[in-house]
Amino acid sequence: MSNKLDLTVKKITMEKKVHFLVLKGAIQQEEITLINKYVPNTGAPKYIKILLESSYTEIDTNTILVGDFNTPLKPLGKSSKQKISKEMSILNDSLDQTKLIDIFRTFYPKATEYRFFSSSLGSFSKINHILGHRQHLLKFKEIEILLSIFSDQKANKTKTNKQTNKP
């Protein structure tokens, strides 16, 4: 988070056992819930589905879910070899039910610099994701992935449209 951001924190919940952090507050006087999640390498799609189901009451139109999910959400390209696995299909169904979308992929559906390739499966989107409610799309102006020298993970930079509510 940037120091320039007008952030008011109301509540922080951290679960070390399940690698989970929830920050509830406001950014520029607008309510927001940020959920940061690291998903273990094994059983990632099932784990994310459980996370979404257990967090369903936390997820609303002001929720942004970020983290390393250790699983792709969608294949890239139109290769006939690329099939969506049963696990990936279940995960995407869970995302649809909570009305969450991959914000970066929505802005840059064909971006190839943040993808990985498997010779047996084909080309997939990155495994670090920023998921937000579909209604959030109008609020985002730009999104970019930043390189990090301190970690093998990459930071995400998001610019929002500043909207004023006029009576």
Protein backbone atom coordinates (compact mmCIF):
# COMPACT_ATOMS: atom_id res chain seq x y z
CA MET A 1 0.00 0.00 0.00
CA SER A 2 1.22 3.46 -0.80
CA ASN A 3 1.86 6.08 1.88
CA LYS A 4 -0.03 8.54 -0.32
CA LEU A 5 -3.23 6.53 0.03
CA ASP A 6 -5.99 7.86 2.28
CA LEU A 7 -6.51 4.57 4.13
CA THR A 8 -8.53 4.19 7.31
CA VAL A 9 -8.16 0.73 8.86
CA LYS A 10 -11.12 -0.48 10.92
CA LYS A 11 -10.17 -4.12 11.49
CA ILE A 12 -7.35 -6.52 10.60
CA THR A 13 -7.79 -10.27 10.92
CA MET A 14 -4.81 -12.57 10.41
CA GLU A 15 -4.80 -16.36 10.37
CA LYS A 16 -1.26 -17.75 10.20
CA LYS A 17 -2.39 -21.38 9.96
CA VAL A 18 -4.31 -20.79 6.75
CA HIS A 19 -2.14 -17.95 5.37
CA PHE A 20 -4.97 -15.45 5.38
CA LEU A 21 -5.18 -11.70 6.07
CA VAL A 22 -8.35 -9.59 5.98
CA LEU A 23 -8.19 -5.81 6.16
CA LYS A 24 -11.47 -3.93 6.53
CA GLY A 25 -11.48 -0.19 6.18
CA ALA A 26 -11.91 2.68 3.77
CA ILE A 27 -9.81 4.09 0.94
CA GLN A 28 -10.65 7.71 0.16
CA GLN A 29 -13.77 7.33 2.33
CA GLU A 30 -15.02 4.32 0.35
CA GLU A 31 -15.56 1.07 2.25
CA ILE A 32 -13.25 -1.77 1.18
CA THR A 33 -12.34 -5.27 2.28
CA LEU A 34 -8.92 -6.52 1.16
CA ILE A 35 -8.29 -10.24 1.50
CA ASN A 36 -4.69 -11.39 0.97
CA LYS A 37 -4.30 -15.13 0.60
CA TYR A 38 -1.47 -17.56 -0.02
CA VAL A 39 -2.65 -20.96 -1.20
CA PRO A 40 -0.52 -24.09 -0.67
CA ASN A 41 0.85 -25.87 -3.75
CA THR A 42 -1.15 -29.05 -3.26
CA GLY A 43 -4.89 -29.06 -3.77
CA ALA A 44 -5.00 -25.35 -4.65
CA PRO A 45 -8.33 -25.25 -6.56
CA LYS A 46 -10.15 -27.18 -3.80
CA TYR A 47 -8.54 -24.97 -1.14
CA ILE A 48 -9.61 -21.77 -2.95
CA LYS A 49 -13.16 -23.10 -3.31
CA ILE A 50 -13.29 -23.70 0.46
CA LEU A 51 -11.82 -20.23 1.06
CA LEU A 52 -14.49 -18.62 -1.13
CA GLU A 53 -17.27 -20.58 0.58
CA SER A 54 -16.00 -19.76 4.08
CA SER A 55 -15.46 -16.09 3.18
CA TYR A 56 -18.78 -15.71 1.37
CA THR A 57 -20.19 -13.44 4.06
CA GLU A 58 -17.07 -11.24 3.81
CA ILE A 59 -17.24 -10.96 0.01
CA ASP A 60 -19.32 -8.11 -1.35
CA THR A 61 -19.01 -5.46 -4.05
CA ASN A 62 -16.26 -3.74 -2.04
CA THR A 63 -14.05 -6.84 -1.73
CA ILE A 64 -10.71 -7.32 -3.45
CA LEU A 65 -9.06 -10.72 -3.06
CA VAL A 66 -5.35 -10.84 -3.86
CA GLY A 67 -2.68 -13.45 -3.53
CA ASP A 68 -0.69 -16.36 -4.82
CA PHE A 69 -3.29 -19.00 -5.65
CA ASN A 70 -0.74 -21.50 -7.02
CA THR A 71 -3.17 -22.38 -9.77
CA PRO A 72 -4.17 -20.84 -13.08
CA LEU A 73 -7.74 -19.68 -13.55
CA LYS A 74 -8.02 -19.67 -17.33
CA PRO A 75 -6.00 -20.99 -20.26
CA LEU A 76 -4.64 -18.42 -22.73
CA GLY A 77 -4.85 -18.78 -26.48
CA LYS A 78 -6.95 -21.09 -28.58
CA SER A 79 -4.78 -24.21 -28.70
CA SER A 80 -6.78 -27.42 -28.99
CA LYS A 81 -4.43 -28.99 -26.40
CA GLN A 82 -5.59 -26.55 -23.76
CA LYS A 83 -8.37 -28.06 -21.74
CA ILE A 84 -9.85 -26.73 -18.57
CA SER A 85 -9.42 -29.34 -15.87
CA LYS A 86 -12.30 -30.40 -13.65
CA GLU A 87 -10.65 -28.63 -10.68
CA MET A 88 -10.19 -25.42 -12.68
CA SER A 89 -13.80 -25.59 -13.84
CA ILE A 90 -15.06 -26.00 -10.24
CA LEU A 91 -12.88 -23.07 -9.15
CA ASN A 92 -14.19 -20.84 -11.94
CA ASP A 93 -17.77 -21.82 -11.05
CA SER A 94 -17.07 -20.75 -7.45
CA LEU A 95 -15.71 -17.42 -8.68
CA ASP A 96 -18.81 -16.93 -10.82
CA GLN A 97 -21.08 -17.61 -7.83
CA THR A 98 -19.30 -14.94 -5.77
CA LYS A 99 -19.24 -12.62 -8.83
CA LEU A 100 -15.45 -12.30 -8.61
CA ILE A 101 -13.33 -11.77 -11.72
CA ASP A 102 -9.60 -11.64 -12.44
CA ILE A 103 -9.19 -7.87 -12.83
CA PHE A 104 -5.76 -8.00 -14.55
CA ARG A 105 -6.98 -10.57 -17.12
CA THR A 106 -10.08 -8.49 -17.77
CA PHE A 107 -7.95 -5.43 -18.56
CA TYR A 108 -5.28 -7.39 -20.49
CA PRO A 109 -6.87 -10.62 -21.80
CA LYS A 110 -4.02 -11.42 -24.20
CA ALA A 111 -1.01 -10.16 -22.23
CA THR A 112 1.70 -12.78 -22.50
CA GLU A 113 4.36 -11.40 -20.17
CA TYR A 114 2.64 -12.69 -17.03
CA ARG A 115 1.81 -16.24 -17.98
CA PHE A 116 3.36 -19.64 -17.65
CA PHE A 117 3.59 -22.49 -20.11
CA SER A 118 3.23 -26.20 -19.58
CA SER A 119 4.10 -28.45 -22.53
CA SER A 120 1.37 -30.88 -21.56
CA LEU A 121 -1.33 -28.32 -20.78
CA GLY A 122 -0.53 -25.23 -22.85
CA SER A 123 -0.29 -21.58 -21.86
CA PHE A 124 -2.04 -20.25 -18.76
CA SER A 125 -2.45 -16.95 -16.97
CA LYS A 126 -0.27 -16.14 -13.99
CA ILE A 127 -0.92 -17.74 -10.61
CA ASN A 128 -0.86 -14.47 -8.64
CA HIS A 129 -4.28 -12.90 -8.95
CA ILE A 130 -6.25 -9.78 -8.13
CA LEU A 131 -9.89 -10.76 -7.93
CA GLY A 132 -12.58 -8.18 -7.54
CA HIS A 133 -16.33 -7.94 -7.79
CA ARG A 134 -17.64 -7.35 -11.31
CA GLN A 135 -19.06 -4.00 -10.20
CA HIS A 136 -15.51 -2.84 -9.37
CA LEU A 137 -14.45 -2.75 -13.02
CA LEU A 138 -15.74 0.78 -13.50
CA LYS A 139 -13.57 1.94 -10.61
CA PHE A 140 -10.29 0.74 -12.08
CA LYS A 141 -8.39 2.98 -14.43
CA GLU A 142 -5.18 0.99 -14.81
CA ILE A 143 -3.52 -2.08 -13.37
CA GLU A 144 0.10 -3.12 -13.66
CA ILE A 145 2.35 -5.84 -12.25
CA LEU A 146 5.54 -4.53 -10.63
CA LEU A 147 8.78 -6.48 -10.30
CA SER A 148 10.03 -7.06 -6.78
CA ILE A 149 13.69 -7.39 -5.82
CA PHE A 150 12.92 -8.66 -2.31
CA SER A 151 10.81 -11.65 -3.21
CA ASP A 152 9.98 -14.04 -6.03
CA GLN A 153 6.47 -12.55 -5.90
CA LYS A 154 5.41 -9.50 -7.87
CA ALA A 155 3.46 -6.52 -6.61
CA ASN A 156 0.31 -5.27 -8.29
CA LYS A 157 -0.22 -1.56 -8.89
CA THR A 158 -3.79 -0.44 -9.41
CA LYS A 159 -5.00 3.04 -10.32
CA THR A 160 -8.62 3.85 -9.72
CA ASN A 161 -10.96 6.38 -11.20
CA LYS A 162 -11.77 8.96 -8.58
CA GLN A 163 -15.52 9.31 -8.64
CA THR A 164 -17.45 11.92 -6.74
CA ASN A 165 -21.04 11.38 -5.78
CA LYS A 166 -23.11 14.40 -6.69
CA PRO A 167 -26.56 14.81 -5.13
